[in-house]
Amino acid sequence: MHKFIPLACALALSATWALSPASAADVKDKAVETKDTVKDKAVETKDTVKDKAVETKDTIKDKAVETKDTIKDKAVETKDTIKDKAVEAKDTIKDKAHRVKEKIADKMHHRSDDRVAMTDTRAAQEALKTQGIDPGPVDGRMGPRTRAAISDYQRRENLPVTGMLDDATMAKLNVRSSRSDAVPAASPTTQPDVKKQNP
């Protein structure tokens, strides 16, 4: 039996050497196959990443355009709102200025009317004094004494008793109104010069 042991070892050793190149070839094939698989996976992953990058870029670009359009729309809307508010404010200021102008004109007209009334009253007071009726102080104010004096004068002259300086009373007192709307006295008519008409 001892003889068979070296023989078995020799057989085993020769079988290992005979099979060794086949194993090395299998390992080499497996390594090449694994390398190709890894390479294919790397290319596939690279393509996937590239596609995702392009897709993300397009999404970002679309979002940027959408945001830009939204901002543009908001800016136009804000501009229109500001323009409308400015027109409204301008109209309001214009209306207020017109009202203030009218108030000033009314006040000036009333002041003018007050001055005219005072001038007319003063002239009537002086005329009443001349006629022997006491209107109180000659101050251009239509007080109770002046009204009473006008009423007395109207009774005495058979005028309607109003206690006011109406046109009939002023004409009878020979007081000319200082109002601008009063009718001016008629100027005397002149006869045409016959000598100038006939050469």
C-alpha atoms as a PDB file:
ATOM      1  CA  MET A   1       0.000   0.000   0.000  1.00  0.00           C
ATOM      2  CA  HIS A   2       2.796   2.244   0.574  1.00  0.00           C
ATOM      3  CA  LYS A   3       3.565   1.985  -3.025  1.00  0.00           C
ATOM      4  CA  PHE A   4       0.237   3.360  -4.028  1.00  0.00           C
ATOM      5  CA  ILE A   5       0.548   6.570  -2.041  1.00  0.00           C
ATOM      6  CA  PRO A   6       3.321   8.087  -4.102  1.00  0.00           C
ATOM      7  CA  LEU A   7       1.524   6.993  -7.198  1.00  0.00           C
ATOM      8  CA  ALA A   8      -1.728   8.621  -6.067  1.00  0.00           C
ATOM      9  CA  CYS A   9       0.124  11.811  -5.255  1.00  0.00           C
ATOM     10  CA  ALA A  10       1.759  11.810  -8.644  1.00  0.00           C
ATOM     11  CA  LEU A  11      -1.569  11.306 -10.338  1.00  0.00           C
ATOM     12  CA  ALA A  12      -3.172  14.055  -8.330  1.00  0.00           C
ATOM     13  CA  LEU A  13      -0.325  16.408  -9.114  1.00  0.00           C
ATOM     14  CA  SER A  14      -0.446  15.732 -12.818  1.00  0.00           C
ATOM     15  CA  ALA A  15      -4.232  16.168 -12.873  1.00  0.00           C
ATOM     16  CA  THR A  16      -3.879  19.528 -11.130  1.00  0.00           C
ATOM     17  CA  TRP A  17      -1.288  20.643 -13.668  1.00  0.00           C
ATOM     18  CA  ALA A  18      -3.433  19.459 -16.506  1.00  0.00           C
ATOM     19  CA  LEU A  19      -6.506  21.235 -15.192  1.00  0.00           C
ATOM     20  CA  SER A  20      -4.699  24.386 -14.121  1.00  0.00           C
ATOM     21  CA  PRO A  21      -4.592  26.050 -17.531  1.00  0.00           C
ATOM     22  CA  ALA A  22      -8.328  25.394 -17.928  1.00  0.00           C
ATOM     23  CA  SER A  23      -9.030  27.013 -14.555  1.00  0.00           C
ATOM     24  CA  ALA A  24      -6.865  29.980 -15.404  1.00  0.00           C
ATOM     25  CA  ALA A  25      -8.722  30.363 -18.680  1.00  0.00           C
ATOM     26  CA  ASP A  26     -12.047  30.220 -16.832  1.00  0.00           C
ATOM     27  CA  VAL A  27     -10.866  32.830 -14.345  1.00  0.00           C
ATOM     28  CA  LYS A  28      -9.620  34.994 -17.188  1.00  0.00           C
ATOM     29  CA  ASP A  29     -12.955  34.643 -19.040  1.00  0.00           C
ATOM     30  CA  LYS A  30     -14.846  35.432 -15.863  1.00  0.00           C
ATOM     31  CA  ALA A  31     -12.642  38.503 -15.300  1.00  0.00           C
ATOM     32  CA  VAL A  32     -13.227  39.717 -18.885  1.00  0.00           C
ATOM     33  CA  GLU A  33     -16.955  39.048 -18.558  1.00  0.00           C
ATOM     34  CA  THR A  34     -17.078  40.925 -15.221  1.00  0.00           C
ATOM     35  CA  LYS A  35     -15.043  43.760 -16.715  1.00  0.00           C
ATOM     36  CA  ASP A  36     -17.463  44.004 -19.659  1.00  0.00           C
ATOM     37  CA  THR A  37     -20.473  43.897 -17.341  1.00  0.00           C
ATOM     38  CA  VAL A  38     -18.989  46.635 -15.151  1.00  0.00           C
ATOM     39  CA  LYS A  39     -18.161  48.673 -18.264  1.00  0.00           C
ATOM     40  CA  ASP A  40     -21.712  48.220 -19.604  1.00  0.00           C
ATOM     41  CA  LYS A  41     -23.155  49.185 -16.211  1.00  0.00           C
ATOM     42  CA  ALA A  42     -20.875  52.256 -16.067  1.00  0.00           C
ATOM     43  CA  VAL A  43     -21.967  53.350 -19.568  1.00  0.00           C
ATOM     44  CA  GLU A  44     -25.617  52.710 -18.669  1.00  0.00           C
ATOM     45  CA  THR A  45     -25.246  54.672 -15.402  1.00  0.00           C
ATOM     46  CA  LYS A  46     -23.445  57.475 -17.244  1.00  0.00           C
ATOM     47  CA  ASP A  47     -26.272  57.669 -19.817  1.00  0.00           C
ATOM     48  CA  THR A  48     -28.889  57.634 -17.050  1.00  0.00           C
ATOM     49  CA  VAL A  49     -27.086  60.429 -15.170  1.00  0.00           C
ATOM     50  CA  LYS A  50     -26.735  62.415 -18.409  1.00  0.00           C
ATOM     51  CA  ASP A  51     -30.451  61.984 -19.189  1.00  0.00           C
ATOM     52  CA  LYS A  52     -31.385  62.999 -15.647  1.00  0.00           C
ATOM     53  CA  ALA A  53     -29.099  66.049 -15.900  1.00  0.00           C
ATOM     54  CA  VAL A  54     -30.699  67.112 -19.205  1.00  0.00           C
ATOM     55  CA  GLU A  55     -34.177  66.523 -17.761  1.00  0.00           C
ATOM     56  CA  THR A  56     -33.307  68.522 -14.619  1.00  0.00           C
ATOM     57  CA  LYS A  57     -31.803  71.305 -16.732  1.00  0.00           C
ATOM     58  CA  ASP A  58     -34.977  71.470 -18.869  1.00  0.00           C
ATOM     59  CA  THR A  59     -37.176  71.480 -15.751  1.00  0.00           C
ATOM     60  CA  ILE A  60     -35.102  74.286 -14.227  1.00  0.00           C
ATOM     61  CA  LYS A  61     -35.241  76.211 -17.504  1.00  0.00           C
ATOM     62  CA  ASP A  62     -39.040  75.782 -17.708  1.00  0.00           C
ATOM     63  CA  LYS A  63     -39.423  76.878 -14.093  1.00  0.00           C
ATOM     64  CA  ALA A  64     -37.202  79.913 -14.741  1.00  0.00           C
ATOM     65  CA  VAL A  65     -39.271  80.910 -17.787  1.00  0.00           C
ATOM     66  CA  GLU A  66     -42.493  80.381 -15.819  1.00  0.00           C
ATOM     67  CA  THR A  67     -41.143  82.460 -12.904  1.00  0.00           C
ATOM     68  CA  LYS A  68     -39.960  85.168 -15.291  1.00  0.00           C
ATOM     69  CA  ASP A  69     -43.413  85.304 -16.936  1.00  0.00           C
ATOM     70  CA  THR A  70     -45.114  85.455 -13.523  1.00  0.00           C
ATOM     71  CA  ILE A  71     -42.825  88.290 -12.416  1.00  0.00           C
ATOM     72  CA  LYS A  72     -43.414  90.098 -15.714  1.00  0.00           C
ATOM     73  CA  ASP A  73     -47.202  89.736 -15.340  1.00  0.00           C
ATOM     74  CA  LYS A  74     -47.036  90.976 -11.741  1.00  0.00           C
ATOM     75  CA  ALA A  75     -44.898  93.949 -12.820  1.00  0.00           C
ATOM     76  CA  VAL A  76     -47.380  94.889 -15.567  1.00  0.00           C
ATOM     77  CA  GLU A  77     -50.277  94.491 -13.131  1.00  0.00           C
ATOM     78  CA  THR A  78     -48.486  96.629 -10.526  1.00  0.00           C
ATOM     79  CA  LYS A  79     -47.656  99.254 -13.162  1.00  0.00           C
ATOM     80  CA  ASP A  80     -51.302  99.408 -14.251  1.00  0.00           C
ATOM     81  CA  THR A  81     -52.454  99.667 -10.643  1.00  0.00           C
ATOM     82  CA  ILE A  82     -49.980 102.491  -9.953  1.00  0.00           C
ATOM     83  CA  LYS A  83     -51.048 104.248 -13.154  1.00  0.00           C
ATOM     84  CA  ASP A  84     -54.736 103.957 -12.204  1.00  0.00           C
ATOM     85  CA  LYS A  85     -54.001 105.248  -8.690  1.00  0.00           C
ATOM     86  CA  ALA A  86     -52.008 108.166 -10.124  1.00  0.00           C
ATOM     87  CA  VAL A  87     -54.855 109.101 -12.492  1.00  0.00           C
ATOM     88  CA  GLU A  88     -57.338 108.799  -9.619  1.00  0.00           C
ATOM     89  CA  ALA A  89     -55.146 110.955  -7.361  1.00  0.00           C
ATOM     90  CA  LYS A  90     -54.690 113.509 -10.149  1.00  0.00           C
ATOM     91  CA  ASP A  91     -58.462 113.680 -10.691  1.00  0.00           C
ATOM     92  CA  THR A  92     -59.058 114.022  -6.951  1.00  0.00           C
ATOM     93  CA  ILE A  93     -56.512 116.835  -6.694  1.00  0.00           C
ATOM     94  CA  LYS A  94     -57.992 118.505  -9.768  1.00  0.00           C
ATOM     95  CA  ASP A  95     -61.506 118.297  -8.280  1.00  0.00           C
ATOM     96  CA  LYS A  96     -60.324 119.659  -4.935  1.00  0.00           C
ATOM     97  CA  ALA A  97     -58.443 122.487  -6.634  1.00  0.00           C
ATOM     98  CA  HIS A  98     -61.556 123.325  -8.659  1.00  0.00           C
ATOM     99  CA  ARG A  99     -63.709 123.349  -5.499  1.00  0.00           C
ATOM    100  CA  VAL A 100     -61.176 125.552  -3.679  1.00  0.00           C
ATOM    101  CA  LYS A 101     -61.076 127.894  -6.668  1.00  0.00           C
ATOM    102  CA  GLU A 102     -64.883 128.104  -6.678  1.00  0.00           C
ATOM    103  CA  LYS A 103     -64.956 128.768  -2.925  1.00  0.00           C
ATOM    104  CA  ILE A 104     -62.388 131.542  -3.298  1.00  0.00           C
ATOM    105  CA  ALA A 105     -64.352 133.039  -6.194  1.00  0.00           C
ATOM    106  CA  ASP A 106     -67.561 132.855  -4.127  1.00  0.00           C
ATOM    107  CA  LYS A 107     -65.858 134.519  -1.158  1.00  0.00           C
ATOM    108  CA  MET A 108     -64.440 137.231  -3.392  1.00  0.00           C
ATOM    109  CA  HIS A 109     -67.879 137.747  -4.944  1.00  0.00           C
ATOM    110  CA  HIS A 110     -69.516 137.902  -1.504  1.00  0.00           C
ATOM    111  CA  ARG A 111     -66.872 140.317  -0.260  1.00  0.00           C
ATOM    112  CA  SER A 112     -67.406 142.407  -3.355  1.00  0.00           C
ATOM    113  CA  ASP A 113     -71.182 142.262  -2.795  1.00  0.00           C
ATOM    114  CA  ASP A 114     -70.660 143.187   0.859  1.00  0.00           C
ATOM    115  CA  ARG A 115     -68.529 146.198  -0.129  1.00  0.00           C
ATOM    116  CA  VAL A 116     -71.145 147.268  -2.672  1.00  0.00           C
ATOM    117  CA  ALA A 117     -73.935 146.862  -0.117  1.00  0.00           C
ATOM    118  CA  MET A 118     -71.974 148.899   2.421  1.00  0.00           C
ATOM    119  CA  THR A 119     -71.319 151.628  -0.136  1.00  0.00           C
ATOM    120  CA  ASP A 120     -75.007 151.697  -1.126  1.00  0.00           C
ATOM    121  CA  THR A 121     -76.110 151.710   2.531  1.00  0.00           C
ATOM    122  CA  ARG A 122     -73.691 154.517   3.381  1.00  0.00           C
ATOM    123  CA  ALA A 123     -74.972 156.585   0.452  1.00  0.00           C
ATOM    124  CA  ALA A 124     -78.596 155.925   1.513  1.00  0.00           C
ATOM    125  CA  GLN A 125     -77.787 156.846   5.141  1.00  0.00           C
ATOM    126  CA  GLU A 126     -76.317 160.166   3.977  1.00  0.00           C
ATOM    127  CA  ALA A 127     -79.345 160.824   1.726  1.00  0.00           C
ATOM    128  CA  LEU A 128     -81.756 159.993   4.584  1.00  0.00           C
ATOM    129  CA  LYS A 129     -79.933 162.473   6.865  1.00  0.00           C
ATOM    130  CA  THR A 130     -80.249 165.075   4.115  1.00  0.00           C
ATOM    131  CA  GLN A 131     -84.005 164.314   3.974  1.00  0.00           C
ATOM    132  CA  GLY A 132     -84.229 164.884   7.758  1.00  0.00           C
ATOM    133  CA  ILE A 133     -84.553 161.223   8.785  1.00  0.00           C
ATOM    134  CA  ASP A 134     -81.997 159.872  11.308  1.00  0.00           C
ATOM    135  CA  PRO A 135     -80.618 156.471  10.205  1.00  0.00           C
ATOM    136  CA  GLY A 136     -78.105 156.358  13.050  1.00  0.00           C
ATOM    137  CA  PRO A 137     -74.378 156.518  12.355  1.00  0.00           C
ATOM    138  CA  VAL A 138     -73.307 156.703   8.689  1.00  0.00           C
ATOM    139  CA  ASP A 139     -71.289 153.471   8.809  1.00  0.00           C
ATOM    140  CA  GLY A 140     -72.571 151.523   5.787  1.00  0.00           C
ATOM    141  CA  ARG A 141     -74.186 148.874   8.048  1.00  0.00           C
ATOM    142  CA  MET A 142     -77.823 147.938   7.664  1.00  0.00           C
ATOM    143  CA  GLY A 143     -78.730 148.002  11.344  1.00  0.00           C
ATOM    144  CA  PRO A 144     -82.179 148.340  12.981  1.00  0.00           C
ATOM    145  CA  ARG A 145     -82.059 152.175  13.029  1.00  0.00           C
ATOM    146  CA  THR A 146     -81.203 152.313   9.325  1.00  0.00           C
ATOM    147  CA  ARG A 147     -84.053 149.868   8.498  1.00  0.00           C
ATOM    148  CA  ALA A 148     -86.495 151.948  10.564  1.00  0.00           C
ATOM    149  CA  ALA A 149     -85.341 155.141   8.820  1.00  0.00           C
ATOM    150  CA  ILE A 150     -85.796 153.494   5.377  1.00  0.00           C
ATOM    151  CA  SER A 151     -89.298 152.292   6.373  1.00  0.00           C
ATOM    152  CA  ASP A 152     -90.210 155.828   7.558  1.00  0.00           C
ATOM    153  CA  TYR A 153     -88.949 157.296   4.286  1.00  0.00           C
ATOM    154  CA  GLN A 154     -90.873 154.712   2.221  1.00  0.00           C
ATOM    155  CA  ARG A 155     -94.112 155.546   4.109  1.00  0.00           C
ATOM    156  CA  ARG A 156     -93.556 159.259   3.676  1.00  0.00           C
ATOM    157  CA  GLU A 157     -92.913 158.902  -0.074  1.00  0.00           C
ATOM    158  CA  ASN A 158     -95.761 156.403  -0.645  1.00  0.00           C
ATOM    159  CA  LEU A 159     -93.377 153.601  -1.595  1.00  0.00           C
ATOM    160  CA  PRO A 160     -93.901 149.939  -0.687  1.00  0.00           C
ATOM    161  CA  VAL A 161     -92.656 149.665   2.920  1.00  0.00           C
ATOM    162  CA  THR A 162     -89.989 146.954   2.922  1.00  0.00           C
ATOM    163  CA  GLY A 163     -87.325 148.445   5.140  1.00  0.00           C
ATOM    164  CA  MET A 164     -84.859 147.477   2.412  1.00  0.00           C
ATOM    165  CA  LEU A 165     -82.897 149.496  -0.093  1.00  0.00           C
ATOM    166  CA  ASP A 166     -84.805 148.411  -3.156  1.00  0.00           C
ATOM    167  CA  ASP A 167     -84.414 150.081  -6.560  1.00  0.00           C
ATOM    168  CA  ALA A 168     -87.483 152.335  -6.102  1.00  0.00           C
ATOM    169  CA  THR A 169     -86.276 153.635  -2.724  1.00  0.00           C
ATOM    170  CA  MET A 170     -82.749 154.240  -4.025  1.00  0.00           C
ATOM    171  CA  ALA A 171     -84.111 156.069  -7.073  1.00  0.00           C
ATOM    172  CA  LYS A 172     -86.362 158.244  -4.882  1.00  0.00           C
ATOM    173  CA  LEU A 173     -83.400 158.985  -2.574  1.00  0.00           C
ATOM    174  CA  ASN A 174     -81.443 159.812  -5.721  1.00  0.00           C
ATOM    175  CA  VAL A 175     -78.793 157.268  -4.693  1.00  0.00           C
ATOM    176  CA  ARG A 176     -77.109 155.475  -7.531  1.00  0.00           C
ATOM    177  CA  SER A 177     -76.205 151.842  -6.828  1.00  0.00           C
ATOM    178  CA  SER A 178     -72.551 150.926  -7.006  1.00  0.00           C
ATOM    179  CA  ARG A 179     -73.489 147.413  -8.155  1.00  0.00           C
ATOM    180  CA  SER A 180     -71.955 146.449 -11.484  1.00  0.00           C
ATOM    181  CA  ASP A 181     -75.217 144.908 -12.673  1.00  0.00           C
ATOM    182  CA  ALA A 182     -77.168 148.114 -12.056  1.00  0.00           C
ATOM    183  CA  VAL A 183     -78.448 149.756 -15.201  1.00  0.00           C
ATOM    184  CA  PRO A 184     -76.490 152.928 -15.906  1.00  0.00           C
ATOM    185  CA  ALA A 185     -78.383 156.172 -16.327  1.00  0.00           C
ATOM    186  CA  ALA A 186     -79.275 157.007 -19.893  1.00  0.00           C
ATOM    187  CA  SER A 187     -77.073 159.616 -21.471  1.00  0.00           C
ATOM    188  CA  PRO A 188     -78.800 162.615 -23.035  1.00  0.00           C
ATOM    189  CA  THR A 189     -79.518 162.216 -26.681  1.00  0.00           C
ATOM    190  CA  THR A 190     -77.757 164.591 -28.982  1.00  0.00           C
ATOM    191  CA  GLN A 191     -79.128 165.903 -32.202  1.00  0.00           C
ATOM    192  CA  PRO A 192     -77.048 165.265 -35.282  1.00  0.00           C
ATOM    193  CA  ASP A 193     -75.180 168.282 -36.575  1.00  0.00           C
ATOM    194  CA  VAL A 194     -76.919 169.248 -39.802  1.00  0.00           C
ATOM    195  CA  LYS A 195     -73.903 171.217 -41.027  1.00  0.00           C
ATOM    196  CA  LYS A 196     -71.681 168.140 -40.846  1.00  0.00           C
ATOM    197  CA  GLN A 197     -74.210 165.948 -42.659  1.00  0.00           C
ATOM    198  CA  ASN A 198     -74.771 168.309 -45.606  1.00  0.00           C
ATOM    199  CA  PRO A 199     -71.589 169.351 -47.346  1.00  0.00           C
END
